[in-house]
Structures are given as C-alpha cells and as structure tokens.
N, C-alpha and C. Protein backbone atom coordinates (compact mmCIF):
# COMPACT_ATOMS: atom_id res chain seq x y z
N UNK A 1 102.07 84.50 90.52
CA UNK A 1 102.05 85.88 90.02
C UNK A 1 103.38 86.56 90.32
N UNK A 2 103.94 87.24 89.32
CA UNK A 2 105.17 87.99 89.49
C UNK A 2 104.85 89.47 89.65
N UNK A 3 105.60 90.15 90.51
CA UNK A 3 105.40 91.58 90.74
C UNK A 3 106.71 92.32 90.45
N UNK A 4 106.64 93.30 89.56
CA UNK A 4 107.75 94.21 89.32
C UNK A 4 107.33 95.59 89.81
N UNK A 5 108.19 96.27 90.52
CA UNK A 5 107.84 97.60 91.01
C UNK A 5 108.91 98.60 90.62
N UNK A 6 108.48 99.83 90.41
CA UNK A 6 109.37 100.95 90.14
C UNK A 6 108.98 102.09 91.05
N UNK A 7 109.96 102.88 91.48
CA UNK A 7 109.71 104.14 92.15
C UNK A 7 110.05 105.23 91.14
N UNK A 8 109.04 105.96 90.67
CA UNK A 8 109.22 106.80 89.50
C UNK A 8 108.71 108.23 89.73
N UNK A 9 109.27 109.15 88.93
CA UNK A 9 108.78 110.52 88.93
C UNK A 9 109.31 111.34 90.08
N UNK A 10 109.00 112.64 90.08
CA UNK A 10 109.54 113.55 91.09
C UNK A 10 109.04 113.26 92.49
N UNK A 11 107.91 112.56 92.63
CA UNK A 11 107.39 112.24 93.96
C UNK A 11 107.64 110.78 94.33
N UNK A 12 108.48 110.10 93.54
CA UNK A 12 108.86 108.71 93.81
C UNK A 12 107.63 107.83 94.06
N UNK A 13 106.76 107.84 93.08
CA UNK A 13 105.53 107.05 93.14
C UNK A 13 105.83 105.60 92.81
N UNK A 14 105.26 104.69 93.57
CA UNK A 14 105.42 103.27 93.29
C UNK A 14 104.44 102.84 92.20
N UNK A 15 104.98 102.27 91.14
CA UNK A 15 104.19 101.69 90.06
C UNK A 15 104.44 100.19 90.08
N UNK A 16 103.38 99.40 89.89
CA UNK A 16 103.48 97.95 89.99
C UNK A 16 103.00 97.28 88.71
N UNK A 17 103.76 96.30 88.25
CA UNK A 17 103.36 95.46 87.13
C UNK A 17 103.16 94.05 87.64
N UNK A 18 101.95 93.53 87.49
CA UNK A 18 101.62 92.17 87.92
C UNK A 18 101.49 91.31 86.67
N UNK A 19 102.19 90.18 86.62
CA UNK A 19 102.12 89.30 85.46
C UNK A 19 101.82 87.88 85.90
N UNK A 20 101.03 87.20 85.08
CA UNK A 20 100.69 85.81 85.35
C UNK A 20 100.24 85.15 84.06
N UNK A 21 100.89 84.08 83.69
CA UNK A 21 100.46 83.26 82.56
C UNK A 21 100.18 84.06 81.30
N UNK A 22 101.08 84.97 80.98
CA UNK A 22 100.99 85.69 79.71
C UNK A 22 100.10 86.91 79.71
N UNK A 23 99.54 87.28 80.86
CA UNK A 23 98.72 88.49 80.96
C UNK A 23 99.23 89.35 82.11
N UNK A 24 98.90 90.65 82.05
CA UNK A 24 99.46 91.57 83.04
C UNK A 24 98.47 92.68 83.38
N UNK A 25 98.71 93.28 84.55
CA UNK A 25 98.00 94.47 85.02
C UNK A 25 99.06 95.48 85.45
N UNK A 26 98.89 96.72 85.05
CA UNK A 26 99.78 97.81 85.46
C UNK A 26 99.03 98.72 86.41
N UNK A 27 99.59 98.95 87.58
CA UNK A 27 98.95 99.77 88.61
C UNK A 27 99.72 101.07 88.80
N UNK A 28 99.04 102.19 88.67
CA UNK A 28 99.58 103.53 88.95
C UNK A 28 100.80 103.91 88.11
N UNK A 29 100.63 103.98 86.78
CA UNK A 29 101.74 104.43 85.93
C UNK A 29 101.90 105.95 85.98
N UNK A 30 102.56 106.41 87.02
CA UNK A 30 102.65 107.84 87.27
C UNK A 30 103.66 108.56 86.41
N UNK A 31 104.51 107.81 85.70
CA UNK A 31 105.54 108.46 84.90
C UNK A 31 105.95 107.50 83.79
N UNK A 32 106.92 107.93 82.98
CA UNK A 32 107.40 107.07 81.91
C UNK A 32 108.10 105.84 82.51
N UNK A 33 107.94 104.71 81.81
CA UNK A 33 108.52 103.46 82.26
C UNK A 33 109.33 102.85 81.12
N UNK A 34 110.59 103.26 80.95
CA UNK A 34 111.36 102.78 79.81
C UNK A 34 111.58 101.28 79.81
N UNK A 35 111.55 100.64 80.98
CA UNK A 35 111.77 99.18 81.03
C UNK A 35 110.50 98.39 80.78
N UNK A 36 109.36 99.07 80.62
CA UNK A 36 108.09 98.35 80.54
C UNK A 36 108.02 97.43 79.33
N UNK A 37 108.48 97.89 78.19
CA UNK A 37 108.40 97.08 76.97
C UNK A 37 109.12 95.75 77.15
N UNK A 38 110.30 95.80 77.73
CA UNK A 38 111.05 94.56 77.95
C UNK A 38 110.33 93.65 78.94
N UNK A 39 109.77 94.23 79.97
CA UNK A 39 109.07 93.43 80.97
C UNK A 39 107.81 92.78 80.40
N UNK A 40 107.22 93.42 79.38
CA UNK A 40 105.98 92.92 78.80
C UNK A 40 106.20 92.06 77.55
N UNK A 41 107.44 91.79 77.23
CA UNK A 41 107.71 90.98 76.03
C UNK A 41 106.96 89.65 76.11
N UNK A 42 106.13 89.39 75.11
CA UNK A 42 105.35 88.16 75.07
C UNK A 42 104.17 88.13 76.01
N UNK A 43 103.85 89.27 76.63
CA UNK A 43 102.77 89.33 77.62
C UNK A 43 101.74 90.37 77.19
N UNK A 44 100.47 90.04 77.34
CA UNK A 44 99.40 90.98 77.01
C UNK A 44 99.04 91.82 78.23
N UNK A 45 99.14 93.14 78.10
CA UNK A 45 98.71 94.04 79.17
C UNK A 45 97.19 94.18 79.08
N UNK A 46 96.50 93.61 80.06
CA UNK A 46 95.03 93.56 80.01
C UNK A 46 94.39 94.80 80.62
N UNK A 47 94.91 95.24 81.75
CA UNK A 47 94.33 96.39 82.45
C UNK A 47 95.43 97.38 82.87
N UNK A 48 95.09 98.66 82.83
CA UNK A 48 95.86 99.71 83.51
C UNK A 48 94.93 100.28 84.57
N UNK A 49 95.33 100.17 85.83
CA UNK A 49 94.46 100.61 86.92
C UNK A 49 95.14 101.73 87.69
N UNK A 50 94.45 102.83 87.84
CA UNK A 50 94.90 103.92 88.71
C UNK A 50 94.15 103.82 90.02
N UNK A 51 94.88 103.76 91.13
CA UNK A 51 94.20 103.71 92.41
C UNK A 51 93.44 105.01 92.69
N UNK A 52 93.95 106.11 92.10
CA UNK A 52 93.25 107.39 92.22
C UNK A 52 93.81 108.35 91.17
N UNK A 53 93.15 109.48 91.03
CA UNK A 53 93.44 110.37 89.90
C UNK A 53 94.32 111.55 90.28
N UNK A 54 95.30 111.33 91.14
CA UNK A 54 96.32 112.35 91.35
C UNK A 54 97.39 112.19 90.28
N UNK A 55 97.97 113.31 89.89
CA UNK A 55 98.86 113.35 88.74
C UNK A 55 100.01 112.35 88.84
N UNK A 56 100.58 112.21 90.04
CA UNK A 56 101.76 111.34 90.17
C UNK A 56 101.43 109.86 90.07
N UNK A 57 100.15 109.52 90.00
CA UNK A 57 99.75 108.12 89.82
C UNK A 57 99.17 107.86 88.43
N UNK A 58 99.07 108.90 87.62
CA UNK A 58 98.33 108.75 86.37
C UNK A 58 99.00 109.44 85.18
N UNK A 59 100.10 110.16 85.43
CA UNK A 59 100.70 111.00 84.39
C UNK A 59 101.15 110.20 83.17
N UNK A 60 101.67 108.99 83.37
CA UNK A 60 102.15 108.20 82.25
C UNK A 60 101.12 107.24 81.66
N UNK A 61 99.90 107.31 82.14
CA UNK A 61 98.88 106.33 81.76
C UNK A 61 98.55 106.36 80.28
N UNK A 62 98.33 107.54 79.74
CA UNK A 62 97.86 107.63 78.36
C UNK A 62 98.89 107.10 77.37
N UNK A 63 100.17 107.33 77.65
CA UNK A 63 101.22 106.84 76.76
C UNK A 63 101.24 105.32 76.73
N UNK A 64 101.06 104.69 77.89
CA UNK A 64 101.03 103.23 77.94
C UNK A 64 99.80 102.70 77.23
N UNK A 65 98.66 103.31 77.48
CA UNK A 65 97.42 102.86 76.84
C UNK A 65 97.51 102.98 75.32
N UNK A 66 98.09 104.06 74.82
CA UNK A 66 98.19 104.26 73.38
C UNK A 66 99.04 103.17 72.73
N UNK A 67 100.04 102.72 73.45
CA UNK A 67 100.93 101.69 72.89
C UNK A 67 100.40 100.29 73.09
N UNK A 68 99.72 100.05 74.21
CA UNK A 68 99.35 98.69 74.59
C UNK A 68 97.86 98.38 74.45
N UNK A 69 97.02 99.41 74.31
CA UNK A 69 95.58 99.22 74.10
C UNK A 69 94.92 98.43 75.24
N UNK A 70 95.39 98.65 76.45
CA UNK A 70 94.79 98.00 77.61
C UNK A 70 93.57 98.79 78.09
N UNK A 71 92.73 98.13 78.86
CA UNK A 71 91.53 98.77 79.40
C UNK A 71 91.91 99.61 80.61
N UNK A 72 91.56 100.88 80.59
CA UNK A 72 91.89 101.80 81.68
C UNK A 72 90.78 101.79 82.72
N UNK A 73 91.17 101.59 83.98
CA UNK A 73 90.20 101.49 85.08
C UNK A 73 90.52 102.53 86.15
N UNK A 74 89.46 103.11 86.70
CA UNK A 74 89.58 104.13 87.74
C UNK A 74 88.34 104.07 88.61
N UNK A 75 88.50 104.41 89.88
CA UNK A 75 87.35 104.49 90.76
C UNK A 75 86.31 105.48 90.26
N UNK A 76 85.06 105.09 90.33
CA UNK A 76 83.98 105.92 89.78
C UNK A 76 83.98 107.32 90.37
N UNK A 77 84.21 107.42 91.66
CA UNK A 77 84.18 108.72 92.31
C UNK A 77 85.35 109.62 91.98
N UNK A 78 86.37 109.07 91.33
CA UNK A 78 87.54 109.87 90.98
C UNK A 78 87.50 110.41 89.56
N UNK A 79 86.53 110.03 88.78
CA UNK A 79 86.45 110.54 87.41
C UNK A 79 86.37 112.06 87.41
N UNK A 80 85.69 112.62 88.41
CA UNK A 80 85.59 114.08 88.52
C UNK A 80 86.96 114.71 88.72
N UNK A 81 87.89 113.99 89.34
CA UNK A 81 89.23 114.53 89.61
C UNK A 81 90.07 114.68 88.34
N UNK A 82 89.69 113.99 87.28
CA UNK A 82 90.46 114.10 86.04
C UNK A 82 90.45 115.52 85.49
N UNK A 83 89.42 116.26 85.81
CA UNK A 83 89.33 117.64 85.34
C UNK A 83 90.35 118.56 85.98
N UNK A 84 91.00 118.11 87.05
CA UNK A 84 91.98 118.97 87.73
C UNK A 84 93.42 118.61 87.38
N UNK A 85 93.63 117.69 86.43
CA UNK A 85 94.99 117.25 86.12
C UNK A 85 95.87 118.39 85.62
N UNK A 86 95.31 119.27 84.79
CA UNK A 86 96.09 120.40 84.28
C UNK A 86 96.53 121.31 85.43
N UNK A 87 95.64 121.54 86.38
CA UNK A 87 95.98 122.37 87.54
C UNK A 87 97.04 121.69 88.40
N UNK A 88 96.89 120.36 88.59
CA UNK A 88 97.89 119.62 89.36
C UNK A 88 99.27 119.72 88.69
N UNK A 89 99.30 119.59 87.36
CA UNK A 89 100.57 119.66 86.62
C UNK A 89 101.19 121.05 86.75
N UNK A 90 100.38 122.07 86.67
CA UNK A 90 100.88 123.44 86.76
C UNK A 90 101.52 123.70 88.12
N UNK A 91 100.95 123.11 89.18
CA UNK A 91 101.47 123.33 90.53
C UNK A 91 102.89 122.81 90.68
N UNK A 92 103.24 121.74 89.95
CA UNK A 92 104.58 121.19 90.08
C UNK A 92 105.44 121.48 88.86
N UNK A 93 104.94 122.35 87.96
CA UNK A 93 105.74 122.82 86.85
C UNK A 93 105.93 121.84 85.71
N UNK A 94 104.90 121.01 85.45
CA UNK A 94 104.96 120.05 84.36
C UNK A 94 103.87 120.32 83.34
N UNK A 95 104.10 119.93 82.09
CA UNK A 95 103.06 120.11 81.07
C UNK A 95 101.80 119.32 81.43
N UNK A 96 100.67 119.82 80.99
CA UNK A 96 99.42 119.10 81.25
C UNK A 96 99.41 117.77 80.50
N UNK A 97 98.93 116.71 81.13
CA UNK A 97 98.83 115.43 80.44
C UNK A 97 97.64 115.44 79.49
N UNK A 98 97.60 114.51 78.53
CA UNK A 98 96.42 114.41 77.67
C UNK A 98 95.19 114.05 78.51
N UNK A 99 94.01 114.40 78.00
CA UNK A 99 92.79 114.01 78.68
C UNK A 99 92.70 112.48 78.70
N UNK A 100 92.49 111.92 79.86
CA UNK A 100 92.51 110.47 80.02
C UNK A 100 91.10 109.91 79.87
N UNK A 101 90.98 108.92 79.02
CA UNK A 101 89.71 108.24 78.80
C UNK A 101 89.65 107.00 79.67
N UNK A 102 88.63 106.90 80.51
CA UNK A 102 88.45 105.75 81.39
C UNK A 102 87.43 104.81 80.76
N UNK A 103 87.85 103.58 80.51
CA UNK A 103 86.93 102.60 79.92
C UNK A 103 86.08 101.89 80.97
N UNK A 104 86.60 101.77 82.18
CA UNK A 104 85.87 101.02 83.21
C UNK A 104 85.94 101.75 84.53
N UNK A 105 84.79 102.15 85.04
CA UNK A 105 84.70 102.81 86.34
C UNK A 105 84.39 101.77 87.41
N UNK A 106 85.17 101.80 88.49
CA UNK A 106 85.07 100.80 89.54
C UNK A 106 84.53 101.43 90.82
N UNK A 107 83.72 100.67 91.54
CA UNK A 107 83.14 101.22 92.77
C UNK A 107 83.32 100.30 93.97
N UNK A 108 84.03 99.21 93.80
CA UNK A 108 84.25 98.28 94.90
C UNK A 108 83.44 97.02 94.73
N UNK A 109 84.07 95.88 94.96
CA UNK A 109 83.39 94.60 94.84
C UNK A 109 83.66 93.88 93.52
N UNK A 110 84.16 94.61 92.52
CA UNK A 110 84.45 93.98 91.24
C UNK A 110 85.70 93.11 91.35
N UNK A 111 85.86 92.21 90.39
CA UNK A 111 87.07 91.41 90.28
C UNK A 111 87.64 91.57 88.88
N UNK A 112 88.91 91.88 88.81
CA UNK A 112 89.62 91.98 87.54
C UNK A 112 90.44 90.71 87.37
N UNK A 113 90.17 89.95 86.34
CA UNK A 113 90.84 88.66 86.13
C UNK A 113 91.92 88.79 85.06
N UNK A 114 93.06 88.17 85.33
CA UNK A 114 94.15 88.15 84.36
C UNK A 114 95.02 86.94 84.63
N UNK A 115 95.32 86.18 83.60
CA UNK A 115 96.23 85.05 83.72
C UNK A 115 95.93 84.07 84.83
N UNK A 116 94.65 83.85 85.12
CA UNK A 116 94.27 82.95 86.20
C UNK A 116 94.30 83.56 87.58
N UNK A 117 94.69 84.82 87.67
CA UNK A 117 94.69 85.56 88.94
C UNK A 117 93.50 86.52 89.00
N UNK A 118 93.18 86.98 90.20
CA UNK A 118 92.10 87.94 90.38
C UNK A 118 92.55 89.09 91.27
N UNK A 119 92.11 90.29 90.91
CA UNK A 119 92.25 91.46 91.77
C UNK A 119 90.85 91.86 92.23
N UNK A 120 90.63 91.86 93.53
CA UNK A 120 89.34 92.31 94.05
C UNK A 120 89.43 93.78 94.40
N UNK A 121 88.48 94.55 93.90
CA UNK A 121 88.49 96.00 94.10
C UNK A 121 87.87 96.34 95.45
N UNK A 122 88.60 97.11 96.24
CA UNK A 122 88.11 97.61 97.52
C UNK A 122 87.85 99.10 97.41
N UNK A 123 86.73 99.53 97.90
CA UNK A 123 86.36 100.96 97.89
C UNK A 123 87.00 101.62 99.10
N UNK A 124 88.04 102.45 98.87
CA UNK A 124 88.79 103.05 99.98
C UNK A 124 88.92 104.57 99.81
N UNK A 125 87.80 105.30 99.80
CA UNK A 125 87.86 106.76 99.63
C UNK A 125 88.42 107.45 100.87
N UNK A 126 88.74 108.73 100.67
CA UNK A 126 89.23 109.58 101.76
C UNK A 126 90.37 110.44 101.29
N UNK A 127 91.42 109.82 100.75
CA UNK A 127 92.50 110.60 100.13
C UNK A 127 91.96 111.31 98.89
N UNK A 128 91.14 110.60 98.14
CA UNK A 128 90.32 111.16 97.06
C UNK A 128 88.95 110.52 97.17
N UNK A 129 87.92 111.10 96.54
CA UNK A 129 86.56 110.59 96.73
C UNK A 129 86.33 109.20 96.14
N UNK A 130 87.10 108.81 95.13
CA UNK A 130 86.89 107.51 94.50
C UNK A 130 88.08 106.59 94.58
N UNK A 131 88.94 106.80 95.56
CA UNK A 131 90.15 105.98 95.70
C UNK A 131 89.77 104.51 95.85
N UNK A 132 90.51 103.64 95.15
CA UNK A 132 90.31 102.20 95.29
C UNK A 132 91.62 101.54 95.69
N UNK A 133 91.51 100.36 96.29
CA UNK A 133 92.64 99.48 96.55
C UNK A 133 92.37 98.16 95.85
N UNK A 134 93.42 97.36 95.67
CA UNK A 134 93.31 96.13 94.88
C UNK A 134 93.90 94.99 95.70
N UNK A 135 93.06 94.01 96.03
CA UNK A 135 93.49 92.87 96.82
C UNK A 135 93.81 91.70 95.91
N UNK A 136 95.02 91.16 96.06
CA UNK A 136 95.48 90.05 95.24
C UNK A 136 95.94 88.91 96.13
N UNK A 137 96.35 87.82 95.50
CA UNK A 137 96.89 86.70 96.26
C UNK A 137 98.23 87.04 96.90
N UNK A 138 98.90 88.09 96.41
CA UNK A 138 100.21 88.48 96.93
C UNK A 138 100.11 89.55 98.01
N UNK A 139 99.01 90.25 98.09
CA UNK A 139 98.86 91.34 99.04
C UNK A 139 97.90 92.37 98.51
N UNK A 140 97.86 93.53 99.14
CA UNK A 140 96.91 94.57 98.77
C UNK A 140 97.66 95.82 98.31
N UNK A 141 97.25 96.35 97.16
CA UNK A 141 97.85 97.54 96.57
C UNK A 141 96.96 98.72 96.96
N UNK A 142 97.49 99.61 97.79
CA UNK A 142 96.63 100.57 98.49
C UNK A 142 96.79 102.01 98.03
N UNK A 143 97.60 102.26 96.99
CA UNK A 143 97.76 103.65 96.56
C UNK A 143 98.20 104.53 97.70
N UNK A 144 97.49 105.63 97.91
CA UNK A 144 97.87 106.59 98.95
C UNK A 144 96.93 106.56 100.15
N UNK A 145 96.37 105.39 100.46
CA UNK A 145 95.52 105.26 101.64
C UNK A 145 96.36 105.01 102.89
N UNK A 146 97.27 104.04 102.78
CA UNK A 146 98.04 103.60 103.94
C UNK A 146 99.51 103.45 103.57
N UNK A 147 100.39 103.89 104.46
CA UNK A 147 101.83 103.77 104.27
C UNK A 147 102.46 103.11 105.49
N UNK A 148 103.72 102.72 105.36
CA UNK A 148 104.45 102.22 106.52
C UNK A 148 104.58 103.36 107.53
N UNK A 149 103.85 103.25 108.62
CA UNK A 149 103.93 104.24 109.68
C UNK A 149 103.12 105.50 109.47
N UNK A 150 102.31 105.55 108.43
CA UNK A 150 101.56 106.77 108.16
C UNK A 150 100.29 106.44 107.37
N UNK A 151 99.55 107.49 107.01
CA UNK A 151 98.34 107.35 106.19
C UNK A 151 98.35 108.44 105.13
N UNK A 152 97.41 108.36 104.20
CA UNK A 152 97.35 109.31 103.12
C UNK A 152 97.00 110.72 103.57
N UNK A 153 97.46 111.69 102.80
CA UNK A 153 97.16 113.09 103.10
C UNK A 153 95.67 113.38 102.92
N UNK A 154 95.17 114.27 103.76
CA UNK A 154 93.79 114.73 103.60
C UNK A 154 93.71 116.25 103.62
N UNK A 155 94.83 116.91 103.30
CA UNK A 155 94.84 118.37 103.20
C UNK A 155 94.76 118.81 101.74
N UNK A 156 94.30 117.92 100.88
CA UNK A 156 94.18 118.20 99.45
C UNK A 156 92.71 118.35 99.07
N UNK A 157 92.42 118.98 97.92
CA UNK A 157 91.03 119.14 97.52
C UNK A 157 90.28 117.81 97.46
N UNK A 158 89.06 117.81 97.97
CA UNK A 158 88.12 116.68 97.96
C UNK A 158 88.54 115.53 98.86
N UNK A 159 89.55 115.74 99.72
CA UNK A 159 89.95 114.71 100.67
C UNK A 159 89.12 114.82 101.94
N UNK A 160 89.06 113.72 102.71
CA UNK A 160 88.22 113.67 103.91
C UNK A 160 88.91 112.76 104.93
N UNK A 161 89.37 113.33 106.03
CA UNK A 161 90.12 112.56 107.02
C UNK A 161 89.30 111.43 107.61
N UNK A 162 88.08 111.73 108.04
CA UNK A 162 87.25 110.70 108.67
C UNK A 162 86.95 109.57 107.71
N UNK A 163 86.69 109.92 106.47
CA UNK A 163 86.40 108.90 105.46
C UNK A 163 87.63 108.02 105.22
N UNK A 164 88.80 108.63 105.17
CA UNK A 164 90.03 107.86 105.00
C UNK A 164 90.21 106.85 106.13
N UNK A 165 90.05 107.30 107.37
CA UNK A 165 90.24 106.41 108.50
C UNK A 165 89.21 105.29 108.52
N UNK A 166 87.97 105.59 108.12
CA UNK A 166 86.95 104.55 108.07
C UNK A 166 87.26 103.54 106.96
N UNK A 167 87.83 104.00 105.85
CA UNK A 167 88.24 103.08 104.78
C UNK A 167 89.31 102.12 105.28
N UNK A 168 90.27 102.67 106.02
CA UNK A 168 91.33 101.81 106.57
C UNK A 168 90.75 100.82 107.56
N UNK A 169 89.90 101.30 108.45
CA UNK A 169 89.30 100.41 109.46
C UNK A 169 88.45 99.31 108.82
N UNK A 170 87.57 99.70 107.90
CA UNK A 170 86.58 98.76 107.39
C UNK A 170 87.12 97.83 106.31
N UNK A 171 88.05 98.32 105.50
CA UNK A 171 88.52 97.52 104.37
C UNK A 171 89.91 96.91 104.60
N UNK A 172 90.84 97.69 105.12
CA UNK A 172 92.21 97.21 105.23
C UNK A 172 92.49 96.48 106.54
N UNK A 173 92.07 97.04 107.66
CA UNK A 173 92.30 96.36 108.93
C UNK A 173 91.44 95.11 109.08
N UNK A 174 90.48 94.90 108.18
CA UNK A 174 89.70 93.67 108.17
C UNK A 174 90.48 92.51 107.54
N UNK A 175 91.61 92.80 106.91
CA UNK A 175 92.43 91.78 106.27
C UNK A 175 93.33 91.10 107.30
N UNK A 176 93.79 89.88 107.02
CA UNK A 176 94.69 89.19 107.96
C UNK A 176 95.98 89.96 108.20
N UNK A 177 96.56 89.79 109.38
CA UNK A 177 97.78 90.51 109.74
C UNK A 177 98.92 90.25 108.77
N UNK A 178 98.99 89.06 108.20
CA UNK A 178 100.10 88.72 107.31
C UNK A 178 99.97 89.31 105.91
N UNK A 179 98.87 89.99 105.63
CA UNK A 179 98.66 90.58 104.30
C UNK A 179 99.72 91.63 104.02
N UNK A 180 100.44 91.49 102.92
CA UNK A 180 101.45 92.48 102.52
C UNK A 180 100.74 93.71 101.96
N UNK A 181 101.20 94.87 102.37
CA UNK A 181 100.66 96.14 101.89
C UNK A 181 101.67 96.76 100.93
N UNK A 182 101.23 96.97 99.68
CA UNK A 182 102.05 97.62 98.67
C UNK A 182 101.54 99.05 98.49
N UNK A 183 102.23 100.04 99.08
CA UNK A 183 101.72 101.41 99.06
C UNK A 183 102.13 102.18 97.82
N UNK A 184 101.54 103.34 97.65
CA UNK A 184 101.85 104.20 96.51
C UNK A 184 103.16 104.94 96.64
N UNK A 185 103.72 104.99 97.83
CA UNK A 185 105.02 105.61 98.08
C UNK A 185 105.68 104.86 99.23
N UNK A 186 106.99 104.73 99.18
CA UNK A 186 107.70 104.13 100.28
C UNK A 186 107.69 102.61 100.27
N UNK A 187 108.24 102.01 101.34
CA UNK A 187 108.41 100.57 101.38
C UNK A 187 107.13 99.81 101.66
N UNK A 188 107.13 98.54 101.30
CA UNK A 188 106.02 97.67 101.63
C UNK A 188 105.99 97.43 103.14
N UNK A 189 104.82 97.04 103.63
CA UNK A 189 104.65 96.73 105.04
C UNK A 189 103.62 95.60 105.13
N UNK A 190 103.08 95.37 106.30
CA UNK A 190 102.01 94.39 106.45
C UNK A 190 100.87 95.00 107.27
N UNK A 191 99.71 94.42 107.14
CA UNK A 191 98.58 94.88 107.94
C UNK A 191 98.89 94.73 109.43
N UNK A 192 99.52 93.61 109.82
CA UNK A 192 99.83 93.40 111.23
C UNK A 192 100.79 94.44 111.78
N UNK A 193 101.80 94.79 110.99
CA UNK A 193 102.76 95.80 111.43
C UNK A 193 102.08 97.15 111.62
N UNK A 194 101.22 97.51 110.71
CA UNK A 194 100.53 98.81 110.82
C UNK A 194 99.50 98.79 111.94
N UNK A 195 98.84 97.68 112.11
CA UNK A 195 97.88 97.57 113.21
C UNK A 195 98.60 97.77 114.56
N UNK A 196 99.80 97.23 114.67
CA UNK A 196 100.52 97.26 115.94
C UNK A 196 101.23 98.58 116.20
N UNK A 197 101.72 99.25 115.14
CA UNK A 197 102.65 100.35 115.40
C UNK A 197 102.31 101.67 114.71
N UNK A 198 101.38 101.68 113.77
CA UNK A 198 101.10 102.93 113.05
C UNK A 198 100.36 103.89 113.99
N UNK A 199 100.94 105.04 114.32
CA UNK A 199 100.32 105.93 115.31
C UNK A 199 98.98 106.50 114.87
N UNK A 200 98.74 106.55 113.56
CA UNK A 200 97.48 107.12 113.06
C UNK A 200 96.31 106.15 113.19
N UNK A 201 96.58 104.89 113.49
CA UNK A 201 95.53 103.87 113.50
C UNK A 201 95.11 103.45 114.90
N UNK A 202 95.80 103.91 115.92
CA UNK A 202 95.55 103.37 117.25
C UNK A 202 94.13 103.64 117.76
N UNK A 203 93.54 104.75 117.36
CA UNK A 203 92.17 105.04 117.80
C UNK A 203 91.14 104.22 117.05
N UNK A 204 91.56 103.50 116.01
CA UNK A 204 90.63 102.69 115.23
C UNK A 204 90.50 101.27 115.77
N UNK A 205 91.41 100.89 116.66
CA UNK A 205 91.49 99.49 117.11
C UNK A 205 90.57 99.22 118.29
C-alpha cells in the first residue's frame, strides 16, 4: 500500500491518499487537492472517509465526490455535526460548503476493502461524538484523537474529555507499540512513543 499525504488548508490538516492495486481511499479531504488527479491517474477512488465532521477535515469532500463518484463514509454519531458546517465556516470566514451526503455511516468494527487491503474502523469518540479511526497494515489514521505529544481538543461543541481519553485507552493504546500513528495535524508518531512520553496519557497507563 502506498500513502501520499498533504498538509492543507488554513489549519494545516493532514489529508491521506491510500492506494493499492488500482484502488484508493481518501481520508479527510479538508481542502482542495490540485495534485489529486495526477495521483489518481489509472486508479479508482473507492471511498472518501472523514474521520469526523469538522470543517477542516471535510471542506473539500463534496468536490472530490462530484468528480470521482466515490462512496462517502462518516461515523454515524457525527452525521448530526454536518448541520453545523455553515456555522463552522462562518467562524473562520469561509463560504459555507455544500450539504454533504453520506452514503455509508460507520460505527466501529466495519472493514473497508480496497485493492486487496483492509481498513478496520475503530470507534473513537470524544473530540466529536462519532469520531472514527482507521487501522491499516501501515498504521492507524486517527484524525484529531491523538497527536505527537498531545490529544484532541475537547473545548468544542459536543466534545467530551473523558470519552476521548477512554477511546485512546481502549482502542489506540491496545495496539502494538510499533504501530505508526497518522494524525489529523502535525507529524506522525507511534503508539509506543505516545505511551511513553505523551503527558496527557500517563494517567491511563
């Protein structure tokens, strides 16, 4: 599996393109991706997955879907958050995005197959009520749950600090130490590094 990543938009959101054997998955298209067409040459985009429904992870989704006709996936508990996209856009001075149609609602435990690879959906709420993470053979794509040296914000509407920490403990810290963590912002890390040094996780160990 090949991974291409971009840091895009005003909040430098990490967007990931996973490709394998002529099929692809796009994770968190928070902004326009001018290089996407070239990267997808000869490849079918099968899924567009948003780890959660904050504007910086979903703003460019509809444009990609309109061009590529991929299946849009979002955590079931985050569908309610789509109603706040216009308000989120107004707060940062951007036009409201089109209403996003979700074809597949995910709640954890599902597997998304593409090109002989699988993404296992992990239910990781707390930053948002329906936040999901995606476990692959290359590592885990965690959106805004866990970062290098930090964790996701919980001072936003519908966030829950205790729920976030339990998601990290039960779903992410259960993974092997060598598991690579691909976050929604900032550099990649590993589960072992965060277990050992992340100050927000020490009470969970």
